[in-house]
């Protein structure tokens, strides 16, 4: 039988052809399997890189080297999708129009100009969620943001782009891999439309404000900063990390987006706990903010318990992007450590400008006995609960300012005490209920009509210029509100 079969195969052209095709397919099977293996290996999130020594982790600048000697200016960009990105962008436009006299330091740096923009005084930008798009792009490109950011992001239907990308056949296959999710796909999309492959190392090569992009460590419900300090805890180098992935983590709203994951290499680079952390943990004063901060950071030093860090939308832990900078100031010594002497400069004024794109909570009374459904819970979480937490965060800032003011007067006397300014740009500051309702009801989405984006840009400048605290800051710096009070968003 076997001989007859072999003879039939040789004599029957059709059978012979089928046999040859089968053998060729079998010969190619290892190549096909290898190709699939490579494909699924590529369909995995790119891991942050390990460093052998903590000295390899780049250290942040405490302030922008271009800014004046006596002012520390901190911007905080809140969450809220394109609504927040546009409002933050409008504040940058307004700061670019506000002029102050140039100091001796500024004259040297700017070819003898007698005045400079308040925008050039910005030292730190902290951001979460939607605000992180504006913060990261400005950090990378500075004034170029005014040329192409609206076209590249604010006017773009980002929602549609993300959906189209997720539905492409090849990405459907990639998303089937548990090691690759919608946030990883979003990071690739953001990189293509905005960041062009830039990593955090690019920020170290230019005079730009210090960026503090925040996400939320979803396992412990605490915020995580994309800063050299946080990455040193993980024995990883932020310089090699793509900015697009940090922004994707900061804007990864739970549900539609999965967590962005970092590997924890703690213990492999010689990182040592700082004295303040050791002391705080030993005292165990559980009512102390310093203890809770130390306890929070200490969780990253045990890679057996925390081998991975899973990050989602920064607004979950802090929708105003204030707690990160406040923590940094606290652990660096407050008045003495941060405000005292930075690069040979004495800080005399500290200004916080908080861009709060908070959406008006839609409180629903008279729910049935079953309570809100899944979508209702998401809505309540993203509006009512975040709004309540925003209030607490602002109270925390005011508490710190009172402490720092008292300490500054004790150390320097009333005449030389540091002056603090808290400036909030939010829809609650608008003069009429109609305007407040209109702007605070703009949905949280990554797609808004062009007219809505332009209205947000314009109202940002109006709220900032109308702020009494901002007017006080400009007056104390010797500047004044621009003659043209209305913004022109047509650029």
Protein backbone atom coordinates (compact mmCIF):
# COMPACT_ATOMS: atom_id res chain seq x y z
CA UNK A 1 0.00 0.00 0.00
CA UNK A 2 2.75 2.40 0.89
CA UNK A 3 4.55 1.65 -2.38
CA UNK A 4 1.40 2.15 -4.38
CA UNK A 5 0.71 5.46 -2.65
CA UNK A 6 4.22 6.68 -3.41
CA UNK A 7 3.80 5.58 -7.05
CA UNK A 8 0.45 7.34 -7.27
CA UNK A 9 2.00 10.51 -5.89
CA UNK A 10 4.74 10.47 -8.50
CA UNK A 11 2.42 9.68 -11.38
CA UNK A 12 -0.50 11.97 -10.44
CA UNK A 13 0.51 15.61 -11.10
CA UNK A 14 -2.26 17.03 -8.93
CA UNK A 15 -1.34 14.92 -5.90
CA UNK A 16 2.32 15.66 -6.46
CA UNK A 17 1.64 19.40 -6.59
CA UNK A 18 -0.41 19.26 -3.37
CA UNK A 19 2.38 17.36 -1.65
CA UNK A 20 4.96 19.93 -2.69
CA UNK A 21 2.76 22.80 -1.45
CA UNK A 22 2.24 20.99 1.86
CA UNK A 23 5.97 20.45 2.33
CA UNK A 24 6.69 24.09 1.51
CA UNK A 25 4.09 25.24 4.03
CA UNK A 26 5.58 22.97 6.68
CA UNK A 27 9.02 24.33 5.87
CA UNK A 28 7.73 27.87 6.36
CA UNK A 29 5.90 27.09 9.61
CA UNK A 30 8.88 27.84 11.88
CA UNK A 31 9.31 31.19 10.13
CA UNK A 32 5.58 31.92 10.55
CA UNK A 33 5.68 30.96 14.22
CA UNK A 34 8.76 33.12 14.72
CA UNK A 35 6.98 36.01 13.00
CA UNK A 36 3.96 35.65 15.28
CA UNK A 37 6.24 35.46 18.30
CA UNK A 38 7.98 38.68 17.23
CA UNK A 39 4.62 40.32 16.53
CA UNK A 40 3.23 39.53 19.97
CA UNK A 41 6.52 40.51 21.59
CA UNK A 42 6.17 43.92 19.92
CA UNK A 43 2.58 44.08 21.17
CA UNK A 44 3.83 44.71 24.68
CA UNK A 45 4.33 47.95 26.53
CA UNK A 46 7.93 49.26 26.40
CA UNK A 47 9.52 48.93 29.82
CA UNK A 48 11.30 51.78 31.58
CA UNK A 49 15.05 51.19 31.69
CA UNK A 50 17.05 50.14 34.72
CA UNK A 51 20.10 52.10 35.92
CA UNK A 52 23.08 50.58 37.71
CA UNK A 53 23.74 53.62 39.90
CA UNK A 54 21.48 56.32 41.27
CA UNK A 55 24.11 58.82 40.13
CA UNK A 56 23.00 58.05 36.57
CA UNK A 57 19.57 59.56 37.28
CA UNK A 58 19.46 63.16 36.04
CA UNK A 59 18.64 65.72 38.71
CA UNK A 60 15.98 68.37 38.14
CA UNK A 61 16.59 72.10 38.13
CA UNK A 62 14.96 73.86 41.08
CA UNK A 63 14.00 76.77 38.84
CA UNK A 64 14.25 77.94 35.25
CA UNK A 65 17.70 79.42 34.66
CA UNK A 66 16.19 82.18 32.52
CA UNK A 67 13.85 83.51 35.20
CA UNK A 68 14.49 86.52 37.41
CA UNK A 69 16.22 86.34 40.74
CA UNK A 70 13.46 87.06 43.21
CA UNK A 71 10.32 85.36 41.79
CA UNK A 72 9.41 81.67 41.90
CA UNK A 73 6.42 81.15 39.60
CA UNK A 74 4.60 77.81 39.66
CA UNK A 75 1.79 76.87 37.26
CA UNK A 76 -0.61 73.99 38.00
CA UNK A 77 -2.66 72.66 35.07
CA UNK A 78 -5.72 70.66 36.12
CA UNK A 79 -7.45 67.76 34.46
CA UNK A 80 -10.49 67.98 32.21
CA UNK A 81 -9.62 66.75 28.71
CA UNK A 82 -9.40 69.31 25.91
CA UNK A 83 -11.30 71.75 28.13
CA UNK A 84 -8.36 71.79 30.53
CA UNK A 85 -5.76 71.79 27.75
CA UNK A 86 -7.38 74.83 26.09
CA UNK A 87 -7.82 76.75 29.36
CA UNK A 88 -4.17 76.13 30.26
CA UNK A 89 -3.09 77.20 26.78
CA UNK A 90 -5.11 80.42 27.16
CA UNK A 91 -3.25 81.21 30.39
CA UNK A 92 0.10 80.75 28.60
CA UNK A 93 -1.10 83.19 25.94
CA UNK A 94 -2.11 85.69 28.62
CA UNK A 95 1.21 85.38 30.46
CA UNK A 96 3.02 85.98 27.16
CA UNK A 97 1.19 89.31 26.81
CA UNK A 98 1.78 90.46 30.40
CA UNK A 99 5.07 92.42 30.62
CA UNK A 100 7.23 93.30 33.61
CA UNK A 101 10.42 95.40 33.84
CA UNK A 102 13.60 93.45 33.10
CA UNK A 103 15.96 92.92 36.02
CA UNK A 104 19.72 93.17 35.72
CA UNK A 105 19.79 89.39 35.32
CA UNK A 106 17.17 89.54 32.57
CA UNK A 107 19.03 92.34 30.72
CA UNK A 108 22.11 90.15 30.39
CA UNK A 109 20.08 87.18 29.21
CA UNK A 110 17.88 89.04 26.71
CA UNK A 111 20.19 91.43 24.90
CA UNK A 112 19.40 94.57 26.80
CA UNK A 113 15.61 94.39 26.67
CA UNK A 114 14.02 96.75 29.18
CA UNK A 115 11.03 94.50 29.78
CA UNK A 116 10.22 90.81 29.62
CA UNK A 117 7.15 88.60 29.51
CA UNK A 118 5.76 87.15 32.70
CA UNK A 119 5.69 83.84 30.83
CA UNK A 120 9.49 83.83 30.87
CA UNK A 121 9.40 83.84 34.68
CA UNK A 122 7.70 80.42 34.93
CA UNK A 123 9.91 78.01 36.90
CA UNK A 124 7.72 74.92 37.43
CA UNK A 125 4.71 73.50 35.60
CA UNK A 126 2.79 70.71 37.32
CA UNK A 127 0.00 68.97 35.45
CA UNK A 128 -2.52 66.16 35.38
CA UNK A 129 -4.67 64.61 32.68
CA UNK A 130 -5.78 67.08 29.99
CA UNK A 131 -3.47 69.78 31.32
CA UNK A 132 -0.48 67.50 30.73
CA UNK A 133 -0.78 67.81 26.95
CA UNK A 134 -0.26 71.58 27.15
CA UNK A 135 2.41 71.36 29.85
CA UNK A 136 4.49 68.75 28.03
CA UNK A 137 4.31 70.51 24.67
CA UNK A 138 5.31 73.85 26.16
CA UNK A 139 8.11 72.18 28.11
CA UNK A 140 9.47 70.72 24.86
CA UNK A 141 8.97 73.63 22.50
CA UNK A 142 8.25 76.80 24.50
CA UNK A 143 7.03 79.55 22.10
CA UNK A 144 6.51 77.12 19.26
CA UNK A 145 3.37 76.11 21.16
CA UNK A 146 1.72 79.32 19.91
CA UNK A 147 2.40 78.34 16.29
CA UNK A 148 1.10 74.80 16.02
CA UNK A 149 -0.39 73.39 19.25
CA UNK A 150 -3.99 74.37 18.39
CA UNK A 151 -3.68 72.67 14.99
CA UNK A 152 -1.85 69.61 16.28
CA UNK A 153 -4.04 69.01 19.33
CA UNK A 154 -6.70 71.50 20.46
CA UNK A 155 -8.61 71.58 17.16
CA UNK A 156 -8.05 67.91 16.41
CA UNK A 157 -10.71 65.26 16.99
CA UNK A 158 -8.46 63.16 19.24
CA UNK A 159 -11.32 60.89 20.33
CA UNK A 160 -11.96 59.88 16.74
CA UNK A 161 -8.27 59.32 16.10
CA UNK A 162 -7.96 57.04 19.12
CA UNK A 163 -11.03 55.02 18.13
CA UNK A 164 -9.85 54.61 14.53
CA UNK A 165 -6.46 53.47 15.74
CA UNK A 166 -7.97 50.93 18.13
CA UNK A 167 -10.21 49.48 15.40
CA UNK A 168 -7.47 48.90 12.83
CA UNK A 169 -7.04 45.13 12.25
CA UNK A 170 -3.42 44.99 13.35
CA UNK A 171 -4.14 46.91 16.57
CA UNK A 172 -7.11 44.69 17.35
CA UNK A 173 -4.63 41.79 17.37
CA UNK A 174 -2.15 43.76 19.47
CA UNK A 175 -4.83 44.62 22.02
CA UNK A 176 -5.55 40.92 22.39
CA UNK A 177 -2.19 40.62 24.13
CA UNK A 178 -2.58 41.12 27.91
CA UNK A 179 0.72 43.03 27.93
CA UNK A 180 -0.59 45.77 25.65
CA UNK A 181 -3.61 47.97 26.27
CA UNK A 182 -5.52 51.03 25.14
CA UNK A 183 -3.22 53.44 27.03
CA UNK A 184 -0.19 51.97 25.27
CA UNK A 185 -1.96 52.52 21.96
CA UNK A 186 -2.90 56.06 23.03
CA UNK A 187 0.75 56.81 23.89
CA UNK A 188 1.75 55.82 20.34
CA UNK A 189 -0.96 58.09 18.92
CA UNK A 190 0.04 61.06 21.11
CA UNK A 191 3.64 60.56 20.10
CA UNK A 192 2.71 60.64 16.43
CA UNK A 193 0.52 63.76 16.56
CA UNK A 194 2.43 65.76 19.20
CA UNK A 195 5.70 64.56 20.67
CA UNK A 196 7.65 63.10 17.73
CA UNK A 197 9.57 60.53 19.78
CA UNK A 198 10.80 62.99 22.43
CA UNK A 199 11.96 61.66 25.79
CA UNK A 200 12.44 63.51 29.06
CA UNK A 201 16.13 63.80 28.22
CA UNK A 202 15.18 66.46 25.67
CA UNK A 203 13.99 68.71 28.50
CA UNK A 204 17.45 68.71 30.10
CA UNK A 205 19.03 70.14 26.96
CA UNK A 206 17.15 73.43 26.87
CA UNK A 207 16.09 76.30 29.10
CA UNK A 208 12.60 75.20 30.01
CA UNK A 209 10.50 75.15 33.19
CA UNK A 210 10.76 72.08 35.38
CA UNK A 211 7.90 69.71 34.50
CA UNK A 212 6.01 67.66 37.07
CA UNK A 213 3.60 65.44 35.14
CA UNK A 214 1.47 63.56 37.66
CA UNK A 215 -0.37 60.25 37.44
CA UNK A 216 -2.07 58.10 40.09
CA UNK A 217 -0.59 54.89 41.45
CA UNK A 218 -3.85 52.99 41.27
CA UNK A 219 -2.82 50.20 43.66
CA UNK A 220 -2.33 52.55 46.62
CA UNK A 221 -4.42 55.49 45.39
CA UNK A 222 -1.46 57.89 45.66
CA UNK A 223 -0.02 60.29 43.13
CA UNK A 224 3.17 59.54 41.20
CA UNK A 225 5.35 62.17 39.58
CA UNK A 226 7.31 61.72 36.37
CA UNK A 227 10.34 63.34 37.95
CA UNK A 228 13.95 62.19 38.43
CA UNK A 229 13.31 61.72 42.16
CA UNK A 230 10.45 59.26 41.68
CA UNK A 231 12.39 57.36 39.03
CA UNK A 232 15.43 57.16 41.32
CA UNK A 233 13.22 55.34 43.84
CA UNK A 234 12.61 52.75 41.11
CA UNK A 235 16.31 52.69 40.04
CA UNK A 236 15.19 53.83 36.60
CA UNK A 237 16.22 56.75 34.41
CA UNK A 238 13.57 59.26 33.43
CA UNK A 239 15.76 60.70 30.65
CA UNK A 240 15.12 57.63 28.47
CA UNK A 241 11.37 57.59 29.07
CA UNK A 242 9.01 58.81 26.29
CA UNK A 243 7.06 61.94 27.18
CA UNK A 244 4.07 60.52 25.29
CA UNK A 245 3.81 57.62 27.77
CA UNK A 246 3.93 59.96 30.76
CA UNK A 247 1.11 62.03 29.26
CA UNK A 248 -0.85 58.87 28.42
CA UNK A 249 -0.53 57.74 32.05
CA UNK A 250 -1.53 61.16 33.35
CA UNK A 251 -4.66 61.12 31.12
CA UNK A 252 -5.57 57.41 31.43
CA UNK A 253 -9.12 57.72 32.73
CA UNK A 254 -9.99 54.35 34.34
CA UNK A 255 -12.35 52.30 32.22
CA UNK A 256 -11.67 53.33 28.64
CA UNK A 257 -7.93 53.26 29.29
CA UNK A 258 -5.79 50.67 31.03
CA UNK A 259 -2.94 51.51 33.40
CA UNK A 260 0.50 52.46 32.12
CA UNK A 261 2.96 50.12 33.85
CA UNK A 262 6.48 50.81 35.14
CA UNK A 263 8.92 48.15 36.31
CA UNK A 264 10.38 48.61 39.79
CA UNK A 265 14.13 47.89 40.01
CA UNK A 266 14.50 49.31 43.54
CA UNK A 267 17.54 48.15 45.48
CA UNK A 268 19.67 47.71 42.37
CA UNK A 269 21.26 51.18 42.10
CA UNK A 270 22.43 52.14 45.59
CA UNK A 271 19.56 54.53 46.35
CA UNK A 272 19.57 55.42 50.05
CA UNK A 273 16.71 56.83 52.05
CA UNK A 274 17.26 60.47 52.91
CA UNK A 275 17.55 61.54 56.56
CA UNK A 276 14.17 63.29 56.55
CA UNK A 277 12.46 60.07 55.40
CA UNK A 278 14.23 57.89 57.98
CA UNK A 279 13.40 60.33 60.77
CA UNK A 280 9.75 60.67 59.76
CA UNK A 281 9.27 56.89 59.57
CA UNK A 282 10.92 56.38 62.95
CA UNK A 283 8.74 59.00 64.66
CA UNK A 284 5.59 57.45 63.15
CA UNK A 285 3.46 60.51 63.72
CA UNK A 286 0.54 59.29 61.63
CA UNK A 287 -1.10 62.73 61.74
CA UNK A 288 1.97 64.34 60.16
CA UNK A 289 2.01 65.16 56.44
CA UNK A 290 5.74 64.46 56.43
CA UNK A 291 5.20 60.94 57.79
CA UNK A 292 2.50 60.15 55.26
CA UNK A 293 4.68 61.44 52.43
CA UNK A 294 7.62 59.33 53.65
CA UNK A 295 5.36 56.29 53.99
CA UNK A 296 4.00 56.90 50.50
CA UNK A 297 7.50 57.09 48.95
CA UNK A 298 8.77 54.15 51.02
CA UNK A 299 6.34 51.79 49.25
CA UNK A 300 8.51 52.00 46.12
CA UNK A 301 11.61 50.72 47.91
CA UNK A 302 10.32 47.15 48.23
CA UNK A 303 10.35 45.57 44.76
CA UNK A 304 9.10 42.24 46.10
CA UNK A 305 5.84 43.78 47.26
CA UNK A 306 5.72 46.34 44.48
CA UNK A 307 7.41 44.83 41.46
CA UNK A 308 5.33 46.99 39.13
CA UNK A 309 3.80 50.46 39.37
CA UNK A 310 0.43 50.79 37.62
CA UNK A 311 -0.49 54.37 36.72
CA UNK A 312 -3.81 55.91 35.70
CA UNK A 313 -5.26 59.42 35.38
CA UNK A 314 -3.56 61.89 37.72
CA UNK A 315 -6.90 63.51 38.47
CA UNK A 316 -7.95 60.50 40.53
CA UNK A 317 -5.45 61.46 43.27
CA UNK A 318 -5.11 65.21 42.64
CA UNK A 319 -7.08 66.93 39.90
CA UNK A 320 -5.41 70.31 40.54
CA UNK A 321 -1.82 69.03 40.13
CA UNK A 322 -0.78 70.84 43.32
CA UNK A 323 0.17 68.05 45.70
CA UNK A 324 3.28 67.06 43.78
CA UNK A 325 4.95 70.51 43.94
CA UNK A 326 3.82 70.98 47.55
CA UNK A 327 5.38 67.63 48.46
CA UNK A 328 8.61 68.58 46.69
CA UNK A 329 8.81 71.88 48.56
CA UNK A 330 8.05 70.21 51.89
CA UNK A 331 10.68 67.46 51.64
CA UNK A 332 13.31 69.89 50.33
CA UNK A 333 13.06 72.06 53.40
CA UNK A 334 10.43 74.67 52.55
CA UNK A 335 11.62 78.20 53.25
CA UNK A 336 15.24 77.28 53.89
CA UNK A 337 15.65 74.57 51.26
CA UNK A 338 13.65 75.77 48.26
CA UNK A 339 12.79 79.41 48.79
CA UNK A 340 16.03 80.37 50.48
CA UNK A 341 18.82 80.08 47.96
CA UNK A 342 18.46 78.60 44.47
CA UNK A 343 21.40 78.95 42.13
CA UNK A 344 22.64 81.93 44.11
CA UNK A 345 19.29 83.70 44.02
CA UNK A 346 17.15 84.86 46.91
CA UNK A 347 13.46 84.27 46.45
CA UNK A 348 11.29 87.19 47.58
CA UNK A 349 8.02 86.26 45.88
CA UNK A 350 6.34 82.90 45.31
CA UNK A 351 3.29 82.76 43.05
CA UNK A 352 1.01 79.79 42.39
CA UNK A 353 -1.27 80.10 39.34
CA UNK A 354 -3.81 77.27 39.43
CA UNK A 355 -5.68 76.60 36.21
CA UNK A 356 -8.81 74.86 37.43
CA UNK A 357 -10.92 73.53 34.55
CA UNK A 358 -13.31 71.90 37.01
CA UNK A 359 -16.59 70.79 35.47
CA UNK A 360 -19.70 71.78 37.36
CA UNK A 361 -20.95 68.71 39.28
CA UNK A 362 -24.29 67.39 38.08
CA UNK A 363 -25.76 66.34 41.42
CA UNK A 364 -28.78 64.08 40.97
CA UNK A 365 -31.24 63.84 43.84
CA UNK A 366 -34.07 61.36 44.22
CA UNK A 367 -32.18 58.31 42.98
CA UNK A 368 -34.02 55.02 43.20
CA UNK A 369 -33.39 52.58 46.02
CA UNK A 370 -30.92 50.74 43.75
CA UNK A 371 -28.67 53.78 43.49
CA UNK A 372 -26.69 54.89 40.41
CA UNK A 373 -25.65 52.35 37.82
CA UNK A 374 -22.07 51.84 36.58
CA UNK A 375 -22.17 54.86 34.25
CA UNK A 376 -23.73 56.97 36.98
CA UNK A 377 -20.98 56.01 39.41
CA UNK A 378 -18.31 56.99 36.86
CA UNK A 379 -20.04 60.34 36.35
CA UNK A 380 -20.28 61.02 40.08
CA UNK A 381 -16.65 60.00 40.60
CA UNK A 382 -15.42 62.32 37.85
CA UNK A 383 -17.42 65.35 38.95
CA UNK A 384 -18.85 65.47 42.47
CA UNK A 385 -16.05 63.61 44.26
CA UNK A 386 -13.24 65.32 42.34
CA UNK A 387 -14.79 68.74 43.03
CA UNK A 388 -14.91 68.01 46.75
CA UNK A 389 -11.27 66.90 46.70
CA UNK A 390 -10.27 70.05 44.78
CA UNK A 391 -11.54 72.13 47.68
CA UNK A 392 -9.40 70.15 50.11
CA UNK A 393 -6.32 70.56 47.90
CA UNK A 394 -6.78 74.35 47.77
CA UNK A 395 -7.13 74.41 51.54
CA UNK A 396 -3.89 72.44 51.81
CA UNK A 397 -2.12 75.03 49.66
CA UNK A 398 -3.46 77.87 51.82
CA UNK A 399 -2.34 76.04 54.95
CA UNK A 400 1.18 75.71 53.55
CA UNK A 401 1.24 79.38 52.54
CA UNK A 402 0.29 80.42 56.08
CA UNK A 403 3.05 78.23 57.53
CA UNK A 404 5.65 79.49 55.07
CA UNK A 405 4.65 83.12 55.61
CA UNK A 406 4.97 82.79 59.38
CA UNK A 407 8.34 81.03 59.08
CA UNK A 408 9.62 83.62 56.62
CA UNK A 409 8.72 86.47 58.99
CA UNK A 410 10.51 84.69 61.85
CA UNK A 411 13.63 84.12 59.76
CA UNK A 412 13.81 87.38 57.82
CA UNK A 413 11.64 89.92 59.63
CA UNK A 414 8.54 91.55 58.19
CA UNK A 415 10.46 93.80 55.80
CA UNK A 416 12.29 90.89 54.11
CA UNK A 417 9.58 88.23 54.41
CA UNK A 418 8.63 86.27 51.30
CA UNK A 419 5.38 87.38 49.66
CA UNK A 420 3.03 84.63 48.50
CA UNK A 421 0.33 84.80 45.82
CA UNK A 422 -2.45 82.28 45.21
CA UNK A 423 -4.09 82.90 41.83
CA UNK A 424 -6.86 80.63 40.64
CA UNK A 425 -8.15 80.63 37.07
CA UNK A 426 -11.50 78.84 37.24
CA UNK A 427 -14.99 79.26 35.90
CA UNK A 428 -16.36 80.16 39.34
CA UNK A 429 -14.63 83.53 38.96
CA UNK A 430 -16.81 84.52 35.98
CA UNK A 431 -19.17 87.40 36.80
CA UNK A 432 -22.50 85.95 35.64
CA UNK A 433 -24.27 82.70 36.41
CA UNK A 434 -24.94 82.26 32.70
CA UNK A 435 -21.21 82.27 31.88
CA UNK A 436 -20.34 80.09 34.84
CA UNK A 437 -22.93 77.51 33.81
CA UNK A 438 -21.91 77.61 30.15
CA UNK A 439 -18.19 77.04 30.64
CA UNK A 440 -18.39 74.61 33.54
CA UNK A 441 -20.80 72.40 31.58
CA UNK A 442 -18.35 71.85 28.70
CA UNK A 443 -17.89 68.06 28.59
CA UNK A 444 -14.71 66.27 29.57
CA UNK A 445 -13.61 64.88 26.23
CA UNK A 446 -10.67 64.98 23.83
CA UNK A 447 -12.76 66.50 21.08
CA UNK A 448 -14.36 69.97 21.21
CA UNK A 449 -15.64 72.31 18.48
CA UNK A 450 -13.12 74.93 17.35
CA UNK A 451 -15.36 77.76 18.59
CA UNK A 452 -15.50 76.22 22.07
CA UNK A 453 -11.71 75.87 22.18
CA UNK A 454 -11.29 79.52 21.18
CA UNK A 455 -13.83 80.63 23.79
CA UNK A 456 -11.87 78.74 26.46
CA UNK A 457 -8.61 80.38 25.34
CA UNK A 458 -10.18 83.80 25.52
CA UNK A 459 -11.91 83.36 28.86
CA UNK A 460 -8.68 82.08 30.44
CA UNK A 461 -6.96 85.41 29.84
CA UNK A 462 -9.99 87.36 31.01
CA UNK A 463 -10.24 85.46 34.31
CA UNK A 464 -6.48 85.79 34.90
CA UNK A 465 -6.41 89.54 34.23
CA UNK A 466 -9.50 90.13 36.39
CA UNK A 467 -7.96 88.31 39.35
CA UNK A 468 -7.11 90.70 42.18
CA UNK A 469 -4.25 88.44 43.26
CA UNK A 470 -2.79 88.49 39.74
CA UNK A 471 -3.13 92.26 39.60
CA UNK A 472 -1.32 92.48 42.95
CA UNK A 473 1.50 90.29 41.62
CA UNK A 474 1.90 92.40 38.49
CA UNK A 475 1.83 95.62 40.53
CA UNK A 476 4.49 94.33 42.93
CA UNK A 477 6.67 93.34 39.98
CA UNK A 478 6.28 96.78 38.40
CA UNK A 479 4.15 95.56 35.51
CA UNK A 480 0.56 96.17 34.51
CA UNK A 481 -2.35 94.50 32.77
CA UNK A 482 -2.06 94.63 28.95
CA UNK A 483 -4.02 97.45 27.35
CA UNK A 484 -5.98 95.00 25.22
CA UNK A 485 -7.92 93.12 27.89
CA UNK A 486 -9.53 90.73 25.39
CA UNK A 487 -7.54 87.86 23.98
CA UNK A 488 -7.20 87.16 20.29
CA UNK A 489 -7.37 83.38 19.76
CA UNK A 490 -7.28 83.55 15.97
CA UNK A 491 -3.56 82.76 15.66
